């Protein structure tokens, strides 16, 4: 995942992931309220360097990476595991192989 430098970009990215998970009603969720409260609480001010603010920004980038990675994993899982278990002949055919014939003229026994 690309490095996101701006807290506003990270916040928008997290909200985008929440919208992808929960649909149009994401603004009514507890997760949305919590994220917005945390970003408002750790907003950059004109005070001196604050280590807690930097840690919060790092944590938010990590959380965004987790949400995006989880969504990508779920898409890949649905793509490759939705069909269930395949026959041995089909699996062998995927990699360009054929199963050997059993003596007596019968193919692979199921």
PDB file of N, CA and C in Angstrom:
ATOM      1  N   UNK A   1       0.843  -1.170   0.000  1.00  0.00           N
ATOM      2  CA  UNK A   1       0.000   0.000   0.000  1.00  0.00           C
ATOM      3  C   UNK A   1       0.888   1.233   0.000  1.00  0.00           C
ATOM      4  N   UNK A   2       0.488   2.237  -0.742  1.00  0.00           N
ATOM      5  CA  UNK A   2       1.271   3.461  -0.838  1.00  0.00           C
ATOM      6  C   UNK A   2       1.261   4.204   0.490  1.00  0.00           C
ATOM      7  N   UNK A   3       2.325   4.914   0.756  1.00  0.00           N
ATOM      8  CA  UNK A   3       2.429   5.683   1.984  1.00  0.00           C
ATOM      9  C   UNK A   3       1.513   6.893   1.887  1.00  0.00           C
ATOM     10  N   UNK A   4       0.663   7.040   2.870  1.00  0.00           N
ATOM     11  CA  UNK A   4      -0.240   8.179   2.911  1.00  0.00           C
ATOM     12  C   UNK A   4       0.293   9.158   3.937  1.00  0.00           C
ATOM     13  N   UNK A   5       0.583  10.371   3.518  1.00  0.00           N
ATOM     14  CA  UNK A   5       1.225  11.310   4.421  1.00  0.00           C
ATOM     15  C   UNK A   5       0.232  12.192   5.152  1.00  0.00           C
ATOM     16  N   UNK A   6      -0.881  12.486   4.552  1.00  0.00           N
ATOM     17  CA  UNK A   6      -1.830  13.414   5.141  1.00  0.00           C
ATOM     18  C   UNK A   6      -2.853  12.682   6.011  1.00  0.00           C
ATOM     19  N   UNK A   7      -3.084  13.180   7.234  1.00  0.00           N
ATOM     20  CA  UNK A   7      -4.131  12.562   8.064  1.00  0.00           C
ATOM     21  C   UNK A   7      -5.510  12.634   7.400  1.00  0.00           C
ATOM     22  N   UNK A   8      -5.759  13.673   6.623  1.00  0.00           N
ATOM     23  CA  UNK A   8      -7.041  13.787   5.932  1.00  0.00           C
ATOM     24  C   UNK A   8      -7.203  12.668   4.904  1.00  0.00           C
ATOM     25  N   UNK A   9      -6.122  12.352   4.180  1.00  0.00           N
ATOM     26  CA  UNK A   9      -6.188  11.255   3.210  1.00  0.00           C
ATOM     27  C   UNK A   9      -6.413   9.917   3.899  1.00  0.00           C
ATOM     28  N   UNK A  10      -5.789   9.728   5.042  1.00  0.00           N
ATOM     29  CA  UNK A  10      -5.963   8.481   5.785  1.00  0.00           C
ATOM     30  C   UNK A  10      -7.406   8.375   6.267  1.00  0.00           C
ATOM     31  N   UNK A  11      -7.935   9.468   6.786  1.00  0.00           N
ATOM     32  CA  UNK A  11      -9.326   9.479   7.262  1.00  0.00           C
ATOM     33  C   UNK A  11     -10.278   9.155   6.114  1.00  0.00           C
ATOM     34  N   UNK A  12     -10.073   9.773   4.970  1.00  0.00           N
ATOM     35  CA  UNK A  12     -10.924   9.508   3.808  1.00  0.00           C
ATOM     36  C   UNK A  12     -10.794   8.052   3.352  1.00  0.00           C
ATOM     37  N   UNK A  13      -9.591   7.516   3.421  1.00  0.00           N
ATOM     38  CA  UNK A  13      -9.385   6.121   3.040  1.00  0.00           C
ATOM     39  C   UNK A  13     -10.117   5.168   3.971  1.00  0.00           C
ATOM     40  N   UNK A  14     -10.057   5.448   5.266  1.00  0.00           N
ATOM     41  CA  UNK A  14     -10.763   4.600   6.235  1.00  0.00           C
ATOM     42  C   UNK A  14     -12.267   4.690   6.002  1.00  0.00           C
ATOM     43  N   UNK A  15     -12.767   5.893   5.775  1.00  0.00           N
ATOM     44  CA  UNK A  15     -14.208   6.051   5.533  1.00  0.00           C
ATOM     45  C   UNK A  15     -14.626   5.360   4.237  1.00  0.00           C
ATOM     46  N   UNK A  16     -13.766   5.361   3.240  1.00  0.00           N
ATOM     47  CA  UNK A  16     -14.056   4.651   1.990  1.00  0.00           C
ATOM     48  C   UNK A  16     -14.174   3.150   2.245  1.00  0.00           C
ATOM     49  N   UNK A  17     -13.266   2.614   3.063  1.00  0.00           N
ATOM     50  CA  UNK A  17     -13.328   1.182   3.384  1.00  0.00           C
ATOM     51  C   UNK A  17     -14.579   0.852   4.205  1.00  0.00           C
ATOM     52  N   UNK A  18     -14.938   1.721   5.135  1.00  0.00           N
ATOM     53  CA  UNK A  18     -16.162   1.496   5.912  1.00  0.00           C
ATOM     54  C   UNK A  18     -17.387   1.519   5.000  1.00  0.00           C
ATOM     55  N   UNK A  19     -17.398   2.433   4.043  1.00  0.00           N
ATOM     56  CA  UNK A  19     -18.505   2.525   3.097  1.00  0.00           C
ATOM     57  C   UNK A  19     -18.577   1.249   2.257  1.00  0.00           C
ATOM     58  N   UNK A  20     -17.434   0.701   1.879  1.00  0.00           N
ATOM     59  CA  UNK A  20     -17.417  -0.539   1.097  1.00  0.00           C
ATOM     60  C   UNK A  20     -17.940  -1.718   1.913  1.00  0.00           C
ATOM     61  N   UNK A  21     -17.674  -1.710   3.206  1.00  0.00           N
ATOM     62  CA  UNK A  21     -18.119  -2.803   4.069  1.00  0.00           C
ATOM     63  C   UNK A  21     -19.602  -2.692   4.399  1.00  0.00           C
ATOM     64  N   UNK A  22     -20.043  -1.479   4.780  1.00  0.00           N
ATOM     65  CA  UNK A  22     -21.381  -1.320   5.340  1.00  0.00           C
ATOM     66  C   UNK A  22     -22.396  -0.711   4.384  1.00  0.00           C
ATOM     67  N   UNK A  23     -21.977  -0.221   3.249  1.00  0.00           N
ATOM     68  CA  UNK A  23     -22.921   0.363   2.304  1.00  0.00           C
ATOM     69  C   UNK A  23     -23.240   1.809   2.650  1.00  0.00           C
ATOM     70  N   UNK A  24     -24.403   2.258   2.199  1.00  0.00           N
ATOM     71  CA  UNK A  24     -24.783   3.663   2.359  1.00  0.00           C
ATOM     72  C   UNK A  24     -25.020   4.071   3.811  1.00  0.00           C
ATOM     73  N   UNK A  25     -25.323   3.140   4.673  1.00  0.00           N
ATOM     74  CA  UNK A  25     -25.649   3.479   6.058  1.00  0.00           C
ATOM     75  C   UNK A  25     -24.427   3.537   6.970  1.00  0.00           C
ATOM     76  N   UNK A  26     -23.248   3.701   6.392  1.00  0.00           N
ATOM     77  CA  UNK A  26     -22.030   3.680   7.207  1.00  0.00           C
ATOM     78  C   UNK A  26     -21.940   4.872   8.149  1.00  0.00           C
ATOM     79  N   UNK A  27     -22.580   5.984   7.821  1.00  0.00           N
ATOM     80  CA  UNK A  27     -22.495   7.173   8.685  1.00  0.00           C
ATOM     81  C   UNK A  27     -23.262   6.998   9.993  1.00  0.00           C
ATOM     82  N   UNK A  28     -24.135   6.032  10.061  1.00  0.00           N
ATOM     83  CA  UNK A  28     -24.896   5.770  11.288  1.00  0.00           C
ATOM     84  C   UNK A  28     -24.233   4.721  12.173  1.00  0.00           C
ATOM     85  N   UNK A  29     -23.090   4.200  11.750  1.00  0.00           N
ATOM     86  CA  UNK A  29     -22.461   3.112  12.497  1.00  0.00           C
ATOM     87  C   UNK A  29     -21.574   3.643  13.627  1.00  0.00           C
ATOM     88  N   UNK A  30     -21.307   2.779  14.578  1.00  0.00           N
ATOM     89  CA  UNK A  30     -20.415   3.120  15.683  1.00  0.00           C
ATOM     90  C   UNK A  30     -18.973   3.288  15.198  1.00  0.00           C
ATOM     91  N   UNK A  31     -18.585   2.511  14.198  1.00  0.00           N
ATOM     92  CA  UNK A  31     -17.224   2.607  13.675  1.00  0.00           C
ATOM     93  C   UNK A  31     -16.979   3.988  13.069  1.00  0.00           C
ATOM     94  N   UNK A  32     -17.952   4.511  12.333  1.00  0.00           N
ATOM     95  CA  UNK A  32     -17.823   5.839  11.744  1.00  0.00           C
ATOM     96  C   UNK A  32     -17.678   6.889  12.844  1.00  0.00           C
ATOM     97  N   UNK A  33     -18.522   6.806  13.857  1.00  0.00           N
ATOM     98  CA  UNK A  33     -18.456   7.771  14.960  1.00  0.00           C
ATOM     99  C   UNK A  33     -17.110   7.713  15.670  1.00  0.00           C
ATOM    100  N   UNK A  34     -16.619   6.503  15.899  1.00  0.00           N
ATOM    101  CA  UNK A  34     -15.345   6.342  16.592  1.00  0.00           C
ATOM    102  C   UNK A  34     -14.193   6.912  15.769  1.00  0.00           C
ATOM    103  N   UNK A  35     -14.162   6.609  14.487  1.00  0.00           N
ATOM    104  CA  UNK A  35     -13.081   7.099  13.623  1.00  0.00           C
ATOM    105  C   UNK A  35     -13.090   8.621  13.579  1.00  0.00           C
ATOM    106  N   UNK A  36     -14.251   9.202  13.393  1.00  0.00           N
ATOM    107  CA  UNK A  36     -14.334  10.662  13.318  1.00  0.00           C
ATOM    108  C   UNK A  36     -13.937  11.309  14.651  1.00  0.00           C
ATOM    109  N   UNK A  37     -14.360  10.727  15.764  1.00  0.00           N
ATOM    110  CA  UNK A  37     -13.975  11.260  17.078  1.00  0.00           C
ATOM    111  C   UNK A  37     -12.465  11.198  17.275  1.00  0.00           C
ATOM    112  N   UNK A  38     -11.842  10.108  16.871  1.00  0.00           N
ATOM    113  CA  UNK A  38     -10.402   9.969  17.042  1.00  0.00           C
ATOM    114  C   UNK A  38      -9.637  10.963  16.171  1.00  0.00           C
ATOM    115  N   UNK A  39     -10.080  11.165  14.950  1.00  0.00           N
ATOM    116  CA  UNK A  39      -9.399  12.130  14.089  1.00  0.00           C
ATOM    117  C   UNK A  39      -9.593  13.553  14.594  1.00  0.00           C
ATOM    118  N   UNK A  40     -10.761  13.852  15.128  1.00  0.00           N
ATOM    119  CA  UNK A  40     -10.976  15.195  15.675  1.00  0.00           C
ATOM    120  C   UNK A  40     -10.149  15.408  16.938  1.00  0.00           C
ATOM    121  N   UNK A  41     -10.043  14.374  17.755  1.00  0.00           N
ATOM    122  CA  UNK A  41      -9.293  14.470  19.004  1.00  0.00           C
ATOM    123  C   UNK A  41      -7.792  14.647  18.756  1.00  0.00           C
ATOM    124  N   UNK A  42      -7.264  14.037  17.707  1.00  0.00           N
ATOM    125  CA  UNK A  42      -5.829  14.089  17.411  1.00  0.00           C
ATOM    126  C   UNK A  42      -5.498  15.060  16.281  1.00  0.00           C
ATOM    127  N   UNK A  43      -6.346  16.045  16.098  1.00  0.00           N
ATOM    128  CA  UNK A  43      -6.139  17.038  15.052  1.00  0.00           C
ATOM    129  C   UNK A  43      -4.860  17.827  15.330  1.00  0.00           C
ATOM    130  N   UNK A  44      -4.150  18.180  14.271  1.00  0.00           N
ATOM    131  CA  UNK A  44      -2.912  18.947  14.402  1.00  0.00           C
ATOM    132  C   UNK A  44      -3.242  20.360  14.877  1.00  0.00           C
ATOM    133  N   UNK A  45      -2.510  20.817  15.872  1.00  0.00           N
ATOM    134  CA  UNK A  45      -2.704  22.170  16.389  1.00  0.00           C
ATOM    135  C   UNK A  45      -1.395  22.937  16.244  1.00  0.00           C
ATOM    136  N   UNK A  46      -1.379  24.166  16.701  1.00  0.00           N
ATOM    137  CA  UNK A  46      -0.171  24.981  16.604  1.00  0.00           C
ATOM    138  C   UNK A  46       0.779  24.748  17.778  1.00  0.00           C
ATOM    139  N   UNK A  47       0.488  23.751  18.590  1.00  0.00           N
ATOM    140  CA  UNK A  47       1.358  23.438  19.725  1.00  0.00           C
ATOM    141  C   UNK A  47       2.649  22.800  19.232  1.00  0.00           C
ATOM    142  N   UNK A  48       3.543  22.519  20.171  1.00  0.00           N
ATOM    143  CA  UNK A  48       4.815  21.906  19.821  1.00  0.00           C
ATOM    144  C   UNK A  48       4.611  20.451  19.377  1.00  0.00           C
ATOM    145  N   UNK A  49       5.684  19.833  18.920  1.00  0.00           N
ATOM    146  CA  UNK A  49       5.662  18.461  18.426  1.00  0.00           C
ATOM    147  C   UNK A  49       5.035  17.537  19.465  1.00  0.00           C
ATOM    148  N   UNK A  50       4.082  16.728  19.018  1.00  0.00           N
ATOM    149  CA  UNK A  50       3.371  15.839  19.937  1.00  0.00           C
ATOM    150  C   UNK A  50       3.549  14.399  19.468  1.00  0.00           C
ATOM    151  N   UNK A  51       4.196  13.615  20.285  1.00  0.00           N
ATOM    152  CA  UNK A  51       4.449  12.222  19.930  1.00  0.00           C
ATOM    153  C   UNK A  51       3.138  11.434  19.846  1.00  0.00           C
ATOM    154  N   UNK A  52       2.179  11.721  20.706  1.00  0.00           N
ATOM    155  CA  UNK A  52       0.910  10.991  20.685  1.00  0.00           C
ATOM    156  C   UNK A  52       0.170  11.218  19.366  1.00  0.00           C
ATOM    157  N   UNK A  53       0.266  12.427  18.829  1.00  0.00           N
ATOM    158  CA  UNK A  53      -0.397  12.714  17.563  1.00  0.00           C
ATOM    159  C   UNK A  53       0.248  11.915  16.433  1.00  0.00           C
ATOM    160  N   UNK A  54       1.579  11.792  16.456  1.00  0.00           N
ATOM    161  CA  UNK A  54       2.282  11.002  15.446  1.00  0.00           C
ATOM    162  C   UNK A  54       1.943   9.521  15.573  1.00  0.00           C
ATOM    163  N   UNK A  55       1.817   9.038  16.800  1.00  0.00           N
ATOM    164  CA  UNK A  55       1.460   7.639  17.010  1.00  0.00           C
ATOM    165  C   UNK A  55       0.040   7.368  16.526  1.00  0.00           C
ATOM    166  N   UNK A  56      -0.855   8.309  16.769  1.00  0.00           N
ATOM    167  CA  UNK A  56      -2.236   8.149  16.306  1.00  0.00           C
ATOM    168  C   UNK A  56      -2.281   8.101  14.783  1.00  0.00           C
ATOM    169  N   UNK A  57      -1.477   8.916  14.134  1.00  0.00           N
ATOM    170  CA  UNK A  57      -1.443   8.919  12.679  1.00  0.00           C
ATOM    171  C   UNK A  57      -0.901   7.585  12.157  1.00  0.00           C
ATOM    172  N   UNK A  58       0.132   7.073  12.795  1.00  0.00           N
ATOM    173  CA  UNK A  58       0.673   5.767  12.403  1.00  0.00           C
ATOM    174  C   UNK A  58      -0.366   4.671  12.604  1.00  0.00           C
ATOM    175  N   UNK A  59      -1.060   4.698  13.738  1.00  0.00           N
ATOM    176  CA  UNK A  59      -2.094   3.700  14.009  1.00  0.00           C
ATOM    177  C   UNK A  59      -3.210   3.769  12.967  1.00  0.00           C
ATOM    178  N   UNK A  60      -3.576   4.979  12.563  1.00  0.00           N
ATOM    179  CA  UNK A  60      -4.646   5.119  11.579  1.00  0.00           C
ATOM    180  C   UNK A  60      -4.207   4.584  10.219  1.00  0.00           C
ATOM    181  N   UNK A  61      -2.949   4.816   9.829  1.00  0.00           N
ATOM    182  CA  UNK A  61      -2.452   4.263   8.567  1.00  0.00           C
ATOM    183  C   UNK A  61      -2.438   2.742   8.620  1.00  0.00           C
ATOM    184  N   UNK A  62      -2.059   2.191   9.766  1.00  0.00           N
ATOM    185  CA  UNK A  62      -2.037   0.741   9.925  1.00  0.00           C
ATOM    186  C   UNK A  62      -3.441   0.166   9.840  1.00  0.00           C
ATOM    187  N   UNK A  63      -4.415   0.848  10.446  1.00  0.00           N
ATOM    188  CA  UNK A  63      -5.802   0.395  10.411  1.00  0.00           C
ATOM    189  C   UNK A  63      -6.345   0.447   8.987  1.00  0.00           C
ATOM    190  N   UNK A  64      -6.002   1.485   8.240  1.00  0.00           N
ATOM    191  CA  UNK A  64      -6.423   1.582   6.848  1.00  0.00           C
ATOM    192  C   UNK A  64      -5.844   0.432   6.036  1.00  0.00           C
ATOM    193  N   UNK A  65      -4.593   0.114   6.267  1.00  0.00           N
ATOM    194  CA  UNK A  65      -3.957  -1.007   5.568  1.00  0.00           C
ATOM    195  C   UNK A  65      -4.669  -2.317   5.908  1.00  0.00           C
ATOM    196  N   UNK A  66      -5.041  -2.502   7.175  1.00  0.00           N
ATOM    197  CA  UNK A  66      -5.765  -3.704   7.592  1.00  0.00           C
ATOM    198  C   UNK A  66      -7.108  -3.799   6.888  1.00  0.00           C
ATOM    199  N   UNK A  67      -7.863  -2.709   6.844  1.00  0.00           N
ATOM    200  CA  UNK A  67      -9.170  -2.733   6.197  1.00  0.00           C
ATOM    201  C   UNK A  67      -9.061  -3.036   4.708  1.00  0.00           C
ATOM    202  N   UNK A  68      -8.118  -2.389   4.035  1.00  0.00           N
ATOM    203  CA  UNK A  68      -7.953  -2.613   2.598  1.00  0.00           C
ATOM    204  C   UNK A  68      -7.492  -4.042   2.319  1.00  0.00           C
ATOM    205  N   UNK A  69      -6.578  -4.549   3.115  1.00  0.00           N
ATOM    206  CA  UNK A  69      -6.072  -5.911   2.922  1.00  0.00           C
ATOM    207  C   UNK A  69      -7.144  -6.947   3.199  1.00  0.00           C
ATOM    208  N   UNK A  70      -7.968  -6.713   4.208  1.00  0.00           N
ATOM    209  CA  UNK A  70      -9.051  -7.637   4.533  1.00  0.00           C
ATOM    210  C   UNK A  70     -10.070  -7.688   3.404  1.00  0.00           C
ATOM    211  N   UNK A  71     -10.397  -6.511   2.844  1.00  0.00           N
ATOM    212  CA  UNK A  71     -11.346  -6.470   1.733  1.00  0.00           C
ATOM    213  C   UNK A  71     -10.773  -7.196   0.517  1.00  0.00           C
ATOM    214  N   UNK A  72      -9.503  -6.983   0.216  1.00  0.00           N
ATOM    215  CA  UNK A  72      -8.867  -7.663  -0.912  1.00  0.00           C
ATOM    216  C   UNK A  72      -8.834  -9.175  -0.700  1.00  0.00           C
ATOM    217  N   UNK A  73      -8.534  -9.590   0.511  1.00  0.00           N
ATOM    218  CA  UNK A  73      -8.508 -11.023   0.829  1.00  0.00           C
ATOM    219  C   UNK A  73      -9.881 -11.639   0.644  1.00  0.00           C
ATOM    220  N   UNK A  74     -10.918 -10.944   1.091  1.00  0.00           N
ATOM    221  CA  UNK A  74     -12.274 -11.467   0.961  1.00  0.00           C
ATOM    222  C   UNK A  74     -12.670 -11.599  -0.513  1.00  0.00           C
ATOM    223  N   UNK A  75     -12.294 -10.628  -1.330  1.00  0.00           N
ATOM    224  CA  UNK A  75     -12.591 -10.715  -2.763  1.00  0.00           C
ATOM    225  C   UNK A  75     -11.888 -11.911  -3.403  1.00  0.00           C
ATOM    226  N   UNK A  76     -10.609 -12.105  -3.071  1.00  0.00           N
ATOM    227  CA  UNK A  76      -9.872 -13.247  -3.618  1.00  0.00           C
ATOM    228  C   UNK A  76     -10.433 -14.570  -3.112  1.00  0.00           C
ATOM    229  N   UNK A  77     -10.798 -14.601  -1.854  1.00  0.00           N
ATOM    230  CA  UNK A  77     -11.367 -15.828  -1.285  1.00  0.00           C
ATOM    231  C   UNK A  77     -12.674 -16.182  -1.988  1.00  0.00           C
ATOM    232  N   UNK A  78     -13.529 -15.191  -2.196  1.00  0.00           N
ATOM    233  CA  UNK A  78     -14.796 -15.444  -2.883  1.00  0.00           C
ATOM    234  C   UNK A  78     -14.564 -15.874  -4.328  1.00  0.00           C
ATOM    235  N   UNK A  79     -13.553 -15.327  -4.968  1.00  0.00           N
ATOM    236  CA  UNK A  79     -13.269 -15.658  -6.349  1.00  0.00           C
ATOM    237  C   UNK A  79     -12.801 -17.101  -6.504  1.00  0.00           C
ATOM    238  N   UNK A  80     -11.923 -17.556  -5.624  1.00  0.00           N
ATOM    239  CA  UNK A  80     -11.308 -18.866  -5.804  1.00  0.00           C
ATOM    240  C   UNK A  80     -11.906 -19.987  -4.961  1.00  0.00           C
ATOM    241  N   UNK A  81     -12.715 -19.671  -3.963  1.00  0.00           N
ATOM    242  CA  UNK A  81     -13.254 -20.726  -3.103  1.00  0.00           C
ATOM    243  C   UNK A  81     -14.770 -20.819  -3.134  1.00  0.00           C
ATOM    244  N   UNK A  82     -15.421 -20.064  -3.963  1.00  0.00           N
ATOM    245  CA  UNK A  82     -16.885 -20.075  -3.992  1.00  0.00           C
ATOM    246  C   UNK A  82     -17.433 -21.316  -4.689  1.00  0.00           C
ATOM    247  N   UNK A  83     -16.645 -21.955  -5.532  1.00  0.00           N
ATOM    248  CA  UNK A  83     -17.138 -23.082  -6.311  1.00  0.00           C
ATOM    249  C   UNK A  83     -17.150 -24.391  -5.534  1.00  0.00           C
ATOM    250  N   UNK A  84     -16.495 -24.460  -4.434  1.00  0.00           N
ATOM    251  CA  UNK A  84     -16.414 -25.702  -3.684  1.00  0.00           C
ATOM    252  C   UNK A  84     -15.246 -26.550  -4.167  1.00  0.00           C
ATOM    253  N   UNK A  85     -15.261 -27.806  -3.823  1.00  0.00           N
ATOM    254  CA  UNK A  85     -14.157 -28.685  -4.188  1.00  0.00           C
ATOM    255  C   UNK A  85     -14.313 -29.181  -5.620  1.00  0.00           C
ATOM    256  N   UNK A  86     -13.219 -29.254  -6.333  1.00  0.00           N
ATOM    257  CA  UNK A  86     -13.236 -29.671  -7.728  1.00  0.00           C
ATOM    258  C   UNK A  86     -12.875 -31.142  -7.855  1.00  0.00           C
ATOM    259  N   UNK A  87     -13.250 -31.734  -8.985  1.00  0.00           N
ATOM    260  CA  UNK A  87     -12.887 -33.121  -9.278  1.00  0.00           C
ATOM    261  C   UNK A  87     -11.392 -33.209  -9.551  1.00  0.00           C
ATOM    262  N   UNK A  88     -10.787 -34.353  -9.276  1.00  0.00           N
ATOM    263  CA  UNK A  88      -9.357 -34.508  -9.557  1.00  0.00           C
ATOM    264  C   UNK A  88      -9.018 -34.312 -11.033  1.00  0.00           C
ATOM    265  N   UNK A  89      -9.925 -34.732 -11.945  1.00  0.00           N
ATOM    266  CA  UNK A  89      -9.669 -34.540 -13.368  1.00  0.00           C
ATOM    267  C   UNK A  89      -9.619 -33.052 -13.714  1.00  0.00           C
ATOM    268  N   UNK A  90     -10.517 -32.288 -13.145  1.00  0.00           N
ATOM    269  CA  UNK A  90     -10.563 -30.852 -13.414  1.00  0.00           C
ATOM    270  C   UNK A  90      -9.318 -30.150 -12.880  1.00  0.00           C
ATOM    271  N   UNK A  91      -8.891 -30.541 -11.677  1.00  0.00           N
ATOM    272  CA  UNK A  91      -7.691 -29.944 -11.098  1.00  0.00           C
ATOM    273  C   UNK A  91      -6.461 -30.281 -11.930  1.00  0.00           C
ATOM    274  N   UNK A  92      -6.353 -31.512 -12.366  1.00  0.00           N
ATOM    275  CA  UNK A  92      -5.224 -31.912 -13.204  1.00  0.00           C
ATOM    276  C   UNK A  92      -5.253 -31.162 -14.529  1.00  0.00           C
ATOM    277  N   UNK A  93      -6.433 -30.958 -15.085  1.00  0.00           N
ATOM    278  CA  UNK A  93      -6.565 -30.235 -16.338  1.00  0.00           C
ATOM    279  C   UNK A  93      -6.167 -28.773 -16.211  1.00  0.00           C
ATOM    280  N   UNK A  94      -6.340 -28.177 -15.030  1.00  0.00           N
ATOM    281  CA  UNK A  94      -5.964 -26.778 -14.825  1.00  0.00           C
ATOM    282  C   UNK A  94      -4.471 -26.551 -15.021  1.00  0.00           C
ATOM    283  N   UNK A  95      -3.673 -27.543 -14.664  1.00  0.00           N
ATOM    284  CA  UNK A  95      -2.220 -27.406 -14.796  1.00  0.00           C
ATOM    285  C   UNK A  95      -1.679 -28.147 -16.010  1.00  0.00           C
ATOM    286  N   UNK A  96      -2.579 -28.647 -16.860  1.00  0.00           N
ATOM    287  CA  UNK A  96      -2.154 -29.274 -18.107  1.00  0.00           C
ATOM    288  C   UNK A  96      -1.754 -30.726 -17.971  1.00  0.00           C
ATOM    289  N   UNK A  97      -2.268 -31.427 -16.997  1.00  0.00           N
ATOM    290  CA  UNK A  97      -1.940 -32.841 -16.815  1.00  0.00           C
ATOM    291  C   UNK A  97      -3.179 -33.698 -17.036  1.00  0.00           C
ATOM    292  N   UNK A  98      -2.940 -35.006 -17.224  1.00  0.00           N
ATOM    293  CA  UNK A  98      -4.030 -35.968 -17.302  1.00  0.00           C
ATOM    294  C   UNK A  98      -3.764 -37.043 -16.259  1.00  0.00           C
ATOM    295  N   UNK A  99      -4.827 -37.531 -15.661  1.00  0.00           N
ATOM    296  CA  UNK A  99      -4.688 -38.609 -14.689  1.00  0.00           C
ATOM    297  C   UNK A  99      -4.460 -39.927 -15.416  1.00  0.00           C
ATOM    298  N   UNK A 100      -3.657 -40.823 -14.832  1.00  0.00           N
ATOM    299  CA  UNK A 100      -3.424 -42.121 -15.476  1.00  0.00           C
ATOM    300  C   UNK A 100      -4.690 -42.980 -15.440  1.00  0.00           C
ATOM    301  N   UNK A 101      -4.832 -43.833 -16.424  1.00  0.00           N
ATOM    302  CA  UNK A 101      -5.974 -44.743 -16.482  1.00  0.00           C
ATOM    303  C   UNK A 101      -5.683 -45.949 -15.595  1.00  0.00           C
ATOM    304  N   UNK A 102      -6.706 -46.404 -14.933  1.00  0.00           N
ATOM    305  CA  UNK A 102      -6.575 -47.577 -14.084  1.00  0.00           C
ATOM    306  C   UNK A 102      -6.612 -48.840 -14.954  1.00  0.00           C
ATOM    307  N   UNK A 103      -5.929 -49.905 -14.513  1.00  0.00           N
ATOM    308  CA  UNK A 103      -6.006 -51.165 -15.271  1.00  0.00           C
ATOM    309  C   UNK A 103      -7.459 -51.625 -15.359  1.00  0.00           C
ATOM    310  N   UNK A 104      -7.850 -52.103 -16.514  1.00  0.00           N
ATOM    311  CA  UNK A 104      -9.226 -52.553 -16.712  1.00  0.00           C
ATOM    312  C   UNK A 104     -10.039 -51.522 -17.473  1.00  0.00           C
ATOM    313  N   UNK A 105      -9.414 -50.395 -17.866  1.00  0.00           N
ATOM    314  CA  UNK A 105     -10.089 -49.426 -18.697  1.00  0.00           C
ATOM    315  C   UNK A 105     -10.892 -48.377 -17.965  1.00  0.00           C
ATOM    316  N   UNK A 106     -10.920 -48.419 -16.646  1.00  0.00           N
ATOM    317  CA  UNK A 106     -11.697 -47.431 -15.904  1.00  0.00           C
ATOM    318  C   UNK A 106     -10.828 -46.225 -15.590  1.00  0.00           C
ATOM    319  N   UNK A 107     -11.460 -45.061 -15.498  1.00  0.00           N
ATOM    320  CA  UNK A 107     -10.750 -43.841 -15.147  1.00  0.00           C
ATOM    321  C   UNK A 107     -10.628 -43.722 -13.637  1.00  0.00           C
ATOM    322  N   UNK A 108     -10.398 -42.549 -13.182  1.00  0.00           N
ATOM    323  CA  UNK A 108     -10.245 -42.260 -11.752  1.00  0.00           C
ATOM    324  C   UNK A 108     -11.551 -42.562 -11.035  1.00  0.00           C
ATOM    325  N   UNK A 109     -11.457 -43.349  -9.986  1.00  0.00           N
ATOM    326  CA  UNK A 109     -12.642 -43.717  -9.202  1.00  0.00           C
ATOM    327  C   UNK A 109     -12.996 -42.588  -8.248  1.00  0.00           C
ATOM    328  N   UNK A 110     -14.267 -42.270  -8.178  1.00  0.00           N
ATOM    329  CA  UNK A 110     -14.725 -41.194  -7.282  1.00  0.00           C
ATOM    330  C   UNK A 110     -15.254 -41.768  -6.005  1.00  0.00           C
TER     331      UNK A 110
END
